N, C-alpha and C. Protein backbone atom coordinates (compact mmCIF):
# COMPACT_ATOMS: atom_id res chain seq x y z
N MET A 1 100.44 74.32 130.33
CA MET A 1 100.73 74.69 128.71
C MET A 1 100.19 75.91 128.19
N ARG A 2 98.99 75.62 128.28
CA ARG A 2 97.86 76.82 127.78
C ARG A 2 97.99 77.82 128.18
N LYS A 3 98.20 77.58 129.55
CA LYS A 3 98.15 79.47 130.06
C LYS A 3 99.48 79.78 129.81
N ILE A 4 100.67 79.25 129.74
CA ILE A 4 101.77 80.19 129.11
C ILE A 4 101.78 80.56 127.88
N SER A 5 101.20 79.67 126.61
CA SER A 5 100.87 80.41 125.48
C SER A 5 100.19 81.26 125.38
N PHE A 6 99.02 81.59 126.11
CA PHE A 6 98.30 82.63 125.84
C PHE A 6 99.11 83.83 126.80
N SER A 7 99.37 83.48 127.79
CA SER A 7 100.55 84.64 128.38
C SER A 7 101.23 85.31 127.19
N ILE A 8 101.97 84.17 126.44
CA ILE A 8 103.14 84.65 125.65
C ILE A 8 102.26 85.48 124.70
N PHE A 9 101.10 85.18 124.06
CA PHE A 9 100.37 85.80 123.22
C PHE A 9 99.82 87.13 123.65
N VAL A 10 99.43 87.28 124.86
CA VAL A 10 98.96 88.55 125.28
C VAL A 10 100.38 89.42 125.58
N PHE A 11 101.60 88.95 126.10
CA PHE A 11 102.81 89.63 125.93
C PHE A 11 102.93 90.35 124.65
N PHE A 12 102.90 89.55 123.66
CA PHE A 12 103.45 90.11 122.32
C PHE A 12 102.38 91.11 121.68
N SER A 13 101.29 90.55 121.88
CA SER A 13 100.19 91.45 121.28
C SER A 13 100.24 92.94 121.98
N ILE A 14 100.61 93.01 123.29
CA ILE A 14 100.79 94.39 123.95
C ILE A 14 101.74 95.07 123.41
N ILE A 15 103.11 94.21 123.37
CA ILE A 15 104.35 94.90 122.66
C ILE A 15 103.90 95.13 121.40
N LEU A 16 103.20 94.78 120.53
CA LEU A 16 102.93 94.94 119.12
C LEU A 16 102.04 96.19 119.07
N PHE A 17 100.81 96.26 120.10
CA PHE A 17 99.78 97.55 119.99
C PHE A 17 100.46 98.74 120.45
N CYS A 18 101.75 98.50 121.52
CA CYS A 18 102.48 99.92 122.12
C CYS A 18 103.27 100.34 120.89
N SER A 19 103.97 99.50 120.00
CA SER A 19 104.59 99.93 118.85
C SER A 19 104.09 100.68 117.83
N LEU A 20 102.91 100.06 117.56
CA LEU A 20 102.10 100.78 116.38
C LEU A 20 101.24 102.03 117.20
N GLY A 21 101.30 102.12 118.14
CA GLY A 21 100.79 103.58 118.67
C GLY A 21 101.56 104.49 118.60
N THR A 22 102.94 103.93 119.17
CA THR A 22 104.32 104.96 119.16
C THR A 22 104.42 105.38 117.64
N TRP A 23 104.26 104.43 116.65
CA TRP A 23 104.61 104.57 115.18
C TRP A 23 103.45 105.92 115.00
N GLN A 24 102.44 105.77 115.12
CA GLN A 24 101.41 106.84 114.91
C GLN A 24 101.62 108.16 115.45
N ILE A 25 102.19 108.07 116.61
CA ILE A 25 102.37 109.59 116.95
C ILE A 25 103.73 110.03 116.19
N TYR A 26 104.43 109.36 115.85
CA TYR A 26 105.56 109.83 115.01
C TYR A 26 105.03 110.10 113.63
N ARG A 27 104.05 109.12 113.40
CA ARG A 27 103.98 109.74 111.82
C ARG A 27 102.99 110.86 111.74
N LEU A 28 101.89 111.20 113.05
CA LEU A 28 101.14 112.37 113.19
C LEU A 28 102.24 113.70 113.23
N GLN A 29 103.28 113.49 113.94
CA GLN A 29 103.95 114.48 113.80
C GLN A 29 104.93 114.73 112.50
N TRP A 30 104.86 114.14 111.89
CA TRP A 30 105.72 114.01 110.23
C TRP A 30 104.60 114.76 109.39
N LYS A 31 103.40 114.11 109.66
CA LYS A 31 102.30 114.87 108.71
C LYS A 31 101.97 116.35 109.14
N LEU A 32 102.03 116.64 110.32
CA LEU A 32 101.98 118.10 110.92
C LEU A 32 102.58 118.81 110.31
N ASP A 33 104.23 118.52 110.32
CA ASP A 33 105.54 118.97 109.81
C ASP A 33 105.19 119.37 108.61
N LEU A 34 104.98 118.37 107.33
CA LEU A 34 104.65 118.34 106.05
C LEU A 34 103.62 119.53 105.87
N ILE A 35 102.42 119.49 106.67
CA ILE A 35 101.55 120.49 106.33
C ILE A 35 101.89 121.66 106.68
N ASN A 36 102.68 122.08 107.79
CA ASN A 36 102.86 123.52 108.14
C ASN A 36 104.24 123.71 107.04
N GLU A 37 104.99 122.64 106.40
CA GLU A 37 105.73 123.13 105.38
C GLU A 37 105.10 123.51 104.10
N ILE A 38 104.14 122.86 103.68
CA ILE A 38 103.41 123.28 102.52
C ILE A 38 102.66 124.83 102.79
N ASN A 39 102.03 124.93 103.92
CA ASN A 39 101.45 126.22 104.21
C ASN A 39 102.27 127.35 104.13
N LYS A 40 103.58 127.17 104.75
CA LYS A 40 104.52 128.14 104.58
C LYS A 40 104.85 128.57 103.41
N GLY A 41 105.05 127.69 102.21
CA GLY A 41 105.70 127.73 100.81
C GLY A 41 104.74 128.38 100.24
N ILE A 42 103.20 127.84 100.34
CA ILE A 42 102.08 128.36 99.61
C ILE A 42 101.75 129.80 99.84
N ASN A 43 102.24 130.43 101.25
CA ASN A 43 101.78 131.63 101.52
C ASN A 43 102.84 132.56 101.33
N SER A 44 103.99 132.06 100.85
CA SER A 44 105.36 132.79 100.87
C SER A 44 105.24 133.91 99.70
N GLU A 45 105.91 134.68 99.59
CA GLU A 45 106.12 135.38 98.31
C GLU A 45 107.11 134.72 97.46
N PRO A 46 106.74 134.98 96.18
CA PRO A 46 107.44 133.99 95.25
C PRO A 46 108.84 134.67 95.13
N VAL A 47 109.86 133.79 94.87
CA VAL A 47 111.40 134.35 94.59
C VAL A 47 111.72 133.90 93.22
N PHE A 48 112.85 134.60 92.73
CA PHE A 48 113.45 133.90 91.27
C PHE A 48 113.98 132.44 91.53
N TYR A 49 113.69 131.48 90.70
CA TYR A 49 113.82 130.22 90.80
C TYR A 49 115.65 130.22 90.86
N SER A 50 116.36 129.35 91.57
CA SER A 50 117.58 129.13 91.61
C SER A 50 117.78 127.79 92.07
N ASN A 51 118.78 127.25 91.36
CA ASN A 51 118.85 125.61 91.31
C ASN A 51 119.73 125.66 92.92
N ASN A 52 120.44 126.47 93.18
CA ASN A 52 121.50 126.24 94.32
C ASN A 52 120.77 126.05 95.66
N LYS A 53 119.37 126.95 95.64
CA LYS A 53 118.47 127.00 96.55
C LYS A 53 117.41 126.76 96.74
N VAL A 54 117.01 125.24 96.59
CA VAL A 54 115.72 124.69 96.24
C VAL A 54 115.04 124.44 97.94
N ILE A 55 113.93 124.99 98.12
CA ILE A 55 113.06 124.54 99.38
C ILE A 55 111.90 124.02 98.60
N ASN A 56 111.45 123.40 99.29
CA ASN A 56 110.21 122.40 98.74
C ASN A 56 108.92 123.35 99.30
N TYR A 57 108.12 123.07 98.10
CA TYR A 57 106.82 123.75 98.39
C TYR A 57 106.88 125.44 97.97
N GLN A 58 108.23 125.97 97.72
CA GLN A 58 108.31 127.56 97.65
C GLN A 58 107.55 128.07 96.32
N LYS A 59 107.11 129.10 96.54
CA LYS A 59 106.83 129.89 95.21
C LYS A 59 107.70 130.44 94.69
N VAL A 60 108.09 130.14 93.19
CA VAL A 60 109.13 130.65 92.17
C VAL A 60 108.69 131.26 91.20
N LYS A 61 109.43 132.28 90.70
CA LYS A 61 109.21 133.19 89.73
C LYS A 61 110.53 132.45 88.33
N PHE A 62 110.03 132.32 87.43
CA PHE A 62 110.92 132.29 86.40
C PHE A 62 110.60 132.57 84.72
N ASP A 63 111.90 132.60 83.97
CA ASP A 63 111.60 132.69 82.38
C ASP A 63 112.18 131.60 81.94
N GLY A 64 111.34 131.32 80.63
CA GLY A 64 111.61 130.11 79.99
C GLY A 64 110.76 129.82 78.68
N ILE A 65 111.04 128.90 77.89
CA ILE A 65 110.45 128.73 76.81
C ILE A 65 109.90 126.97 76.88
N PHE A 66 108.72 126.70 76.76
CA PHE A 66 107.99 125.55 76.69
C PHE A 66 108.59 124.56 75.61
N ASP A 67 108.72 123.29 75.40
CA ASP A 67 109.18 122.26 74.56
C ASP A 67 107.83 121.49 74.43
N PHE A 68 107.17 122.06 73.32
CA PHE A 68 105.74 121.08 73.57
C PHE A 68 106.24 119.58 72.68
N GLU A 69 107.21 119.30 71.89
CA GLU A 69 107.52 118.49 71.55
C GLU A 69 107.61 117.34 72.25
N LYS A 70 108.03 117.71 73.40
CA LYS A 70 108.49 116.26 74.36
C LYS A 70 107.24 116.45 75.76
N GLN A 71 105.92 117.11 75.45
CA GLN A 71 105.11 117.10 76.20
C GLN A 71 104.64 115.78 76.52
N ILE A 72 103.84 115.40 77.86
CA ILE A 72 103.43 114.34 78.08
C ILE A 72 102.09 114.40 78.81
N TYR A 73 101.07 113.26 78.58
CA TYR A 73 99.94 113.30 79.12
C TYR A 73 99.73 112.11 80.09
N LEU A 74 99.58 112.88 81.15
CA LEU A 74 99.21 111.44 82.45
C LEU A 74 97.69 111.42 82.48
N TYR A 75 97.19 110.27 82.27
CA TYR A 75 95.44 109.92 82.68
C TYR A 75 95.27 110.22 84.07
N SER A 76 94.27 111.32 84.24
CA SER A 76 93.87 111.33 85.57
C SER A 76 92.24 111.67 85.60
N LEU A 77 91.86 111.76 86.80
CA LEU A 77 90.56 112.02 86.95
C LEU A 77 90.47 113.56 87.72
N ASP A 78 89.21 114.19 87.35
CA ASP A 78 89.20 115.67 87.81
C ASP A 78 88.50 115.18 89.24
N SER A 79 88.06 116.64 90.22
CA SER A 79 87.56 116.09 91.16
C SER A 79 86.15 115.44 91.32
N LYS A 80 85.45 115.84 90.03
CA LYS A 80 84.10 115.08 89.91
C LYS A 80 84.11 113.68 89.38
N GLY A 81 85.67 113.20 88.92
CA GLY A 81 85.55 111.78 88.41
C GLY A 81 85.66 111.70 86.99
N ALA A 82 85.52 112.72 86.57
CA ALA A 82 85.82 112.78 84.70
C ALA A 82 86.91 112.49 84.32
N PRO A 83 87.30 111.72 83.12
CA PRO A 83 88.42 111.50 82.78
C PRO A 83 89.16 112.58 81.88
N GLY A 84 90.41 112.60 81.96
CA GLY A 84 91.29 113.58 81.30
C GLY A 84 92.78 113.28 81.54
N TYR A 85 93.31 114.39 81.37
CA TYR A 85 94.84 114.17 81.41
C TYR A 85 95.51 115.49 82.15
N ASP A 86 96.33 115.03 82.84
CA ASP A 86 97.25 116.33 83.47
C ASP A 86 98.52 116.48 82.37
N ILE A 87 98.85 117.93 81.86
CA ILE A 87 99.77 117.86 81.22
C ILE A 87 101.15 118.40 81.76
N ILE A 88 102.10 117.52 81.29
CA ILE A 88 103.47 117.83 81.86
C ILE A 88 104.32 118.35 80.98
N THR A 89 104.60 119.57 81.05
CA THR A 89 105.56 120.07 79.66
C THR A 89 106.98 120.70 80.38
N PRO A 90 108.20 120.04 79.71
CA PRO A 90 109.45 120.61 80.25
C PRO A 90 109.73 121.96 79.59
N ILE A 91 110.34 122.80 80.46
CA ILE A 91 110.36 124.26 80.05
C ILE A 91 111.92 124.43 80.18
N LYS A 92 112.54 125.19 78.96
CA LYS A 92 113.90 125.48 79.21
C LYS A 92 114.18 126.91 79.92
N THR A 93 114.71 126.82 81.08
CA THR A 93 114.92 128.55 81.75
C THR A 93 116.29 129.16 80.92
N LYS A 94 116.19 130.17 81.52
CA LYS A 94 117.14 131.33 80.75
C LYS A 94 118.95 130.45 81.19
N SER A 95 118.75 129.77 82.24
CA SER A 95 119.85 129.28 82.59
C SER A 95 120.33 127.95 82.29
N ASN A 96 119.77 127.47 80.91
CA ASN A 96 119.37 126.40 80.30
C ASN A 96 119.18 125.33 81.29
N GLU A 97 118.38 125.36 82.36
CA GLU A 97 117.98 124.12 83.25
C GLU A 97 116.76 123.83 82.52
N ILE A 98 116.44 122.46 82.54
CA ILE A 98 115.24 121.95 82.34
C ILE A 98 114.36 121.81 83.20
N LEU A 99 113.21 122.30 83.52
CA LEU A 99 112.36 122.02 84.94
C LEU A 99 111.13 121.12 83.98
N LEU A 100 110.32 120.33 84.73
CA LEU A 100 109.19 119.75 84.40
C LEU A 100 107.90 120.61 84.99
N VAL A 101 106.93 120.94 84.27
CA VAL A 101 105.97 121.69 84.89
C VAL A 101 104.56 121.01 84.46
N ASN A 102 103.72 120.91 85.47
CA ASN A 102 102.18 120.83 85.38
C ASN A 102 101.61 121.58 85.20
N ARG A 103 101.22 121.71 83.82
CA ARG A 103 100.45 122.68 83.50
C ARG A 103 98.70 122.48 83.84
N GLY A 104 98.62 121.51 84.28
CA GLY A 104 97.09 121.39 84.98
C GLY A 104 96.39 120.30 84.23
N TRP A 105 95.25 119.96 84.37
CA TRP A 105 94.23 119.12 84.03
C TRP A 105 93.31 119.58 82.56
N ILE A 106 93.35 118.53 81.71
CA ILE A 106 92.67 118.95 80.32
C ILE A 106 91.81 117.93 80.24
N LYS A 107 90.34 118.08 79.75
CA LYS A 107 89.38 117.09 79.27
C LYS A 107 89.95 115.92 78.24
N LYS A 108 89.73 114.59 78.29
CA LYS A 108 89.95 113.69 77.53
C LYS A 108 90.00 114.21 75.82
N ASP A 109 88.83 114.85 75.76
CA ASP A 109 89.02 115.22 74.05
C ASP A 109 89.85 116.20 73.55
N LEU A 110 90.76 116.79 74.48
CA LEU A 110 91.51 117.95 74.04
C LEU A 110 92.93 117.39 73.77
N LYS A 111 93.32 116.36 74.34
CA LYS A 111 94.57 116.01 73.94
C LYS A 111 95.05 115.85 72.63
N GLY A 112 96.29 116.65 72.83
CA GLY A 112 96.68 116.59 71.24
C GLY A 112 96.44 118.06 70.35
N LYS A 113 95.44 118.75 70.87
CA LYS A 113 94.92 119.86 70.19
C LYS A 113 96.01 121.24 70.51
N LYS A 114 96.22 121.91 69.39
CA LYS A 114 97.26 123.13 69.38
C LYS A 114 96.76 123.86 70.28
N ASP A 115 95.72 124.35 70.40
CA ASP A 115 94.95 125.18 71.49
C ASP A 115 95.55 125.35 72.60
N ILE A 116 95.82 124.21 72.97
CA ILE A 116 96.17 124.19 74.59
C ILE A 116 97.89 124.53 74.81
N ASN A 117 98.55 124.90 73.94
CA ASN A 117 99.79 125.25 73.74
C ASN A 117 99.92 126.45 73.12
N GLU A 118 98.77 127.25 73.03
CA GLU A 118 98.72 128.66 72.91
C GLU A 118 99.45 129.51 74.03
N ILE A 119 100.92 129.57 74.34
CA ILE A 119 101.14 130.73 75.54
C ILE A 119 102.01 131.68 75.16
N LYS A 120 101.83 132.50 75.28
CA LYS A 120 102.60 134.05 74.80
C LYS A 120 103.60 134.65 75.60
N SER A 121 103.27 134.15 77.00
CA SER A 121 104.14 134.63 78.29
C SER A 121 105.65 133.82 78.17
N LYS A 122 106.35 134.37 78.37
CA LYS A 122 108.00 133.68 78.78
C LYS A 122 108.35 133.74 80.21
N SER A 123 107.31 134.55 80.85
CA SER A 123 107.46 134.47 82.67
C SER A 123 106.64 133.90 83.14
N PHE A 124 107.05 132.99 84.23
CA PHE A 124 105.98 132.11 84.87
C PHE A 124 106.09 132.07 86.26
N GLU A 125 105.18 131.37 87.03
CA GLU A 125 105.40 131.69 88.14
C GLU A 125 104.84 130.33 88.70
N GLY A 126 105.21 129.48 89.76
CA GLY A 126 104.72 128.06 90.37
C GLY A 126 105.03 127.95 91.57
N ILE A 127 105.16 126.53 91.98
CA ILE A 127 105.44 126.21 93.21
C ILE A 127 106.60 124.78 92.85
N ILE A 128 107.39 124.95 93.79
CA ILE A 128 108.70 123.65 93.34
C ILE A 128 108.26 123.05 94.30
N LYS A 129 108.63 121.59 93.81
CA LYS A 129 108.60 120.22 94.36
C LYS A 129 109.93 119.40 94.26
N LYS A 130 110.66 119.11 95.22
CA LYS A 130 111.63 118.65 95.16
C LYS A 130 111.43 117.11 94.82
N ILE A 131 112.32 116.73 94.15
CA ILE A 131 112.47 115.08 93.69
C ILE A 131 112.98 114.33 95.11
N THR A 132 111.91 113.57 95.53
CA THR A 132 112.23 112.59 96.72
C THR A 132 112.46 111.12 96.18
N LYS A 133 113.47 110.55 96.94
CA LYS A 133 113.60 109.17 96.93
C LYS A 133 112.58 108.31 97.37
N PRO A 134 111.92 107.34 96.49
CA PRO A 134 110.61 106.59 96.52
C PRO A 134 110.81 105.86 98.09
N ASN A 135 109.86 105.43 98.84
CA ASN A 135 109.56 105.26 99.85
C ASN A 135 109.61 103.23 99.41
N PRO A 136 110.55 102.32 99.90
CA PRO A 136 110.31 101.20 99.80
C PRO A 136 109.38 100.29 100.09
N PHE A 137 108.03 101.13 100.97
CA PHE A 137 107.02 100.19 101.06
C PHE A 137 105.92 100.79 100.17
């Protein structure tokens, strides 16, 4: 009886580890494709933004006006671990679309100061990130 239980345990362990190894190979390919997609988008020439043709990680140009009243601050740390905020500001484009723009990181003590919202330009350039469905895991 012990030999049979051990054989079943070994059989299922081999199946499990082979399945995990196969999953890792698929995941590696997915990551390589994602890295390639990001590099292709970042190294491309910027195109004018169009809602009809959204390519993930594509450089885009657009004109618009920021809505600082609806600006939000997301708490985060910089690369050295200092606390601060990412500024997310909605912008209304010429075609009346609302885009969320991550304007970057600021120190914690700059939150709410008017200096950070002094933007004279109405033309902007950025990288588009499509909204994706959250993974259930």
